[in-house]
Amino acid sequence: MTLKGIIKLVQLIQEYRLTVIQWQILLVVAENPGSTITGLVKSGKLTCGTPSDIAVTVKRLGEGRHDRPGMSLIKKEQLKSDARYFKLSLSSKGKRLVEKIKNKARSYK
């Protein structure tokens, strides 16, 4: 992708009120449903921060906090084997958004 294409992609992502890091997390979760943050970081698939940094962003992409609603793009399911970890997947809304952005970005060179 050319620099012009990258700039267009960043502008597209920003139109949907996403940061580049949020977009990276959405893409990685879309490609690896059911993975944990720790697993994605250890495998080198998520490289945008530490597991705790990424967890904050995932919370924003998901259910949010008591004082700030989330974006409802990611679902978390607690692991039965270890309650400290959550399996991540895209919500229906998250899947639609990722597909919409990917389809628009395909024309960028």
C-alpha atoms as a PDB file:
ATOM      1  CA  MET A   1       0.000   0.000   0.000  1.00  0.00           C
ATOM      2  CA  THR A   2       1.295   3.446  -0.870  1.00  0.00           C
ATOM      3  CA  LEU A   3       1.577   6.298   1.596  1.00  0.00           C
ATOM      4  CA  LYS A   4      -1.497   7.848  -0.005  1.00  0.00           C
ATOM      5  CA  GLY A   5      -3.399   4.581   0.549  1.00  0.00           C
ATOM      6  CA  ILE A   6      -2.308   4.413   4.178  1.00  0.00           C
ATOM      7  CA  ILE A   7      -3.461   7.991   4.744  1.00  0.00           C
ATOM      8  CA  LYS A   8      -6.849   7.159   3.180  1.00  0.00           C
ATOM      9  CA  LEU A   9      -7.147   4.067   5.397  1.00  0.00           C
ATOM     10  CA  VAL A  10      -6.373   6.063   8.548  1.00  0.00           C
ATOM     11  CA  GLN A  11      -8.953   8.674   7.533  1.00  0.00           C
ATOM     12  CA  LEU A  12     -11.504   5.906   6.925  1.00  0.00           C
ATOM     13  CA  ILE A  13     -10.819   4.370  10.330  1.00  0.00           C
ATOM     14  CA  GLN A  14     -11.185   7.793  11.956  1.00  0.00           C
ATOM     15  CA  GLU A  15     -14.547   8.319  10.218  1.00  0.00           C
ATOM     16  CA  TYR A  16     -15.806   5.417  12.333  1.00  0.00           C
ATOM     17  CA  ARG A  17     -14.308   6.999  15.470  1.00  0.00           C
ATOM     18  CA  LEU A  18     -11.612   4.351  15.805  1.00  0.00           C
ATOM     19  CA  THR A  19      -7.924   4.727  16.512  1.00  0.00           C
ATOM     20  CA  VAL A  20      -5.326   2.754  14.579  1.00  0.00           C
ATOM     21  CA  ILE A  21      -4.713   0.637  17.706  1.00  0.00           C
ATOM     22  CA  GLN A  22      -8.433  -0.096  18.093  1.00  0.00           C
ATOM     23  CA  TRP A  23      -8.548  -1.094  14.417  1.00  0.00           C
ATOM     24  CA  GLN A  24      -5.557  -3.430  14.861  1.00  0.00           C
ATOM     25  CA  ILE A  25      -7.254  -5.092  17.829  1.00  0.00           C
ATOM     26  CA  LEU A  26     -10.524  -5.508  15.922  1.00  0.00           C
ATOM     27  CA  LEU A  27      -8.728  -7.086  12.958  1.00  0.00           C
ATOM     28  CA  VAL A  28      -6.714  -9.472  15.122  1.00  0.00           C
ATOM     29  CA  VAL A  29      -9.784 -10.528  17.123  1.00  0.00           C
ATOM     30  CA  ALA A  30     -11.714 -11.023  13.865  1.00  0.00           C
ATOM     31  CA  GLU A  31      -8.971 -13.349  12.601  1.00  0.00           C
ATOM     32  CA  ASN A  32      -8.521 -15.162  15.949  1.00  0.00           C
ATOM     33  CA  PRO A  33     -11.931 -15.510  17.637  1.00  0.00           C
ATOM     34  CA  GLY A  34     -11.832 -17.228  21.006  1.00  0.00           C
ATOM     35  CA  SER A  35      -8.260 -16.139  21.787  1.00  0.00           C
ATOM     36  CA  THR A  36      -7.254 -14.308  24.940  1.00  0.00           C
ATOM     37  CA  ILE A  37      -5.362 -11.025  25.062  1.00  0.00           C
ATOM     38  CA  THR A  38      -2.378 -12.762  26.633  1.00  0.00           C
ATOM     39  CA  GLY A  39      -2.404 -15.450  23.957  1.00  0.00           C
ATOM     40  CA  LEU A  40      -2.525 -12.889  21.163  1.00  0.00           C
ATOM     41  CA  VAL A  41       0.331 -10.875  22.672  1.00  0.00           C
ATOM     42  CA  LYS A  42       2.510 -13.950  23.338  1.00  0.00           C
ATOM     43  CA  SER A  43       1.958 -15.208  19.780  1.00  0.00           C
ATOM     44  CA  GLY A  44       3.030 -11.839  18.390  1.00  0.00           C
ATOM     45  CA  LYS A  45      -0.330 -11.171  16.752  1.00  0.00           C
ATOM     46  CA  LEU A  46      -1.048  -8.122  18.923  1.00  0.00           C
ATOM     47  CA  THR A  47       1.926  -5.789  19.161  1.00  0.00           C
ATOM     48  CA  CYS A  48       0.289  -2.516  20.171  1.00  0.00           C
ATOM     49  CA  GLY A  49       1.122  -2.638  23.874  1.00  0.00           C
ATOM     50  CA  THR A  50       1.251  -4.749  27.002  1.00  0.00           C
ATOM     51  CA  PRO A  51      -1.640  -7.077  27.869  1.00  0.00           C
ATOM     52  CA  SER A  52      -2.877  -4.576  30.471  1.00  0.00           C
ATOM     53  CA  ASP A  53      -2.750  -1.674  27.964  1.00  0.00           C
ATOM     54  CA  ILE A  54      -4.643  -3.751  25.418  1.00  0.00           C
ATOM     55  CA  ALA A  55      -7.187  -4.812  28.067  1.00  0.00           C
ATOM     56  CA  VAL A  56      -8.125  -1.150  28.590  1.00  0.00           C
ATOM     57  CA  THR A  57      -8.715  -0.707  24.860  1.00  0.00           C
ATOM     58  CA  VAL A  58     -10.663  -3.982  24.646  1.00  0.00           C
ATOM     59  CA  LYS A  59     -12.879  -2.772  27.483  1.00  0.00           C
ATOM     60  CA  ARG A  60     -13.595   0.423  25.497  1.00  0.00           C
ATOM     61  CA  LEU A  61     -14.321  -1.636  22.367  1.00  0.00           C
ATOM     62  CA  GLY A  62     -16.563  -3.893  24.442  1.00  0.00           C
ATOM     63  CA  GLU A  63     -18.842  -3.133  27.346  1.00  0.00           C
ATOM     64  CA  GLY A  64     -17.049  -0.030  28.615  1.00  0.00           C
ATOM     65  CA  ARG A  65     -16.899   1.080  32.237  1.00  0.00           C
ATOM     66  CA  HIS A  66     -19.483   2.222  34.739  1.00  0.00           C
ATOM     67  CA  ASP A  67     -18.747   5.865  33.886  1.00  0.00           C
ATOM     68  CA  ARG A  68     -18.191   5.468  30.130  1.00  0.00           C
ATOM     69  CA  PRO A  69     -20.210   3.226  27.835  1.00  0.00           C
ATOM     70  CA  GLY A  70     -18.318   0.987  25.457  1.00  0.00           C
ATOM     71  CA  MET A  71     -18.628   0.623  21.718  1.00  0.00           C
ATOM     72  CA  SER A  72     -20.136  -2.903  21.832  1.00  0.00           C
ATOM     73  CA  LEU A  73     -17.807  -4.173  19.083  1.00  0.00           C
ATOM     74  CA  ILE A  74     -16.102  -6.946  21.084  1.00  0.00           C
ATOM     75  CA  LYS A  75     -17.588  -9.648  23.301  1.00  0.00           C
ATOM     76  CA  LYS A  76     -15.704 -11.173  26.206  1.00  0.00           C
ATOM     77  CA  GLU A  77     -16.401 -14.614  27.628  1.00  0.00           C
ATOM     78  CA  GLN A  78     -14.705 -15.639  30.869  1.00  0.00           C
ATOM     79  CA  LEU A  79     -12.656 -18.836  30.657  1.00  0.00           C
ATOM     80  CA  LYS A  80     -14.048 -21.609  32.806  1.00  0.00           C
ATOM     81  CA  SER A  81     -10.553 -22.913  33.522  1.00  0.00           C
ATOM     82  CA  ASP A  82      -9.165 -19.556  34.709  1.00  0.00           C
ATOM     83  CA  ALA A  83     -11.513 -16.689  35.602  1.00  0.00           C
ATOM     84  CA  ARG A  84      -8.724 -14.125  35.130  1.00  0.00           C
ATOM     85  CA  TYR A  85      -8.829 -14.583  31.352  1.00  0.00           C
ATOM     86  CA  PHE A  86     -11.454 -13.888  28.710  1.00  0.00           C
ATOM     87  CA  LYS A  87     -11.989 -15.282  25.225  1.00  0.00           C
ATOM     88  CA  LEU A  88     -12.526 -12.452  22.761  1.00  0.00           C
ATOM     89  CA  SER A  89     -14.761 -12.353  19.708  1.00  0.00           C
ATOM     90  CA  LEU A  90     -16.454  -9.691  17.634  1.00  0.00           C
ATOM     91  CA  SER A  91     -20.068  -8.860  18.321  1.00  0.00           C
ATOM     92  CA  SER A  92     -22.467  -8.751  15.370  1.00  0.00           C
ATOM     93  CA  LYS A  93     -21.980  -4.988  15.299  1.00  0.00           C
ATOM     94  CA  GLY A  94     -18.196  -5.461  15.338  1.00  0.00           C
ATOM     95  CA  LYS A  95     -18.313  -7.968  12.467  1.00  0.00           C
ATOM     96  CA  ARG A  96     -20.406  -5.604  10.333  1.00  0.00           C
ATOM     97  CA  LEU A  97     -18.062  -2.684  11.020  1.00  0.00           C
ATOM     98  CA  VAL A  98     -14.899  -4.649  10.232  1.00  0.00           C
ATOM     99  CA  GLU A  99     -16.383  -5.919   6.969  1.00  0.00           C
ATOM    100  CA  LYS A 100     -17.582  -2.443   5.998  1.00  0.00           C
ATOM    101  CA  ILE A 101     -14.142  -0.887   6.564  1.00  0.00           C
ATOM    102  CA  LYS A 102     -12.302  -3.765   4.869  1.00  0.00           C
ATOM    103  CA  ASN A 103     -14.566  -3.534   1.803  1.00  0.00           C
ATOM    104  CA  LYS A 104     -14.044   0.223   1.484  1.00  0.00           C
ATOM    105  CA  ALA A 105     -10.276  -0.121   2.013  1.00  0.00           C
ATOM    106  CA  ARG A 106      -9.849  -2.753  -0.714  1.00  0.00           C
ATOM    107  CA  SER A 107      -9.781  -0.021  -3.344  1.00  0.00           C
ATOM    108  CA  TYR A 108      -6.884   1.794  -1.676  1.00  0.00           C
ATOM    109  CA  LYS A 109      -3.458   1.255  -3.213  1.00  0.00           C
END
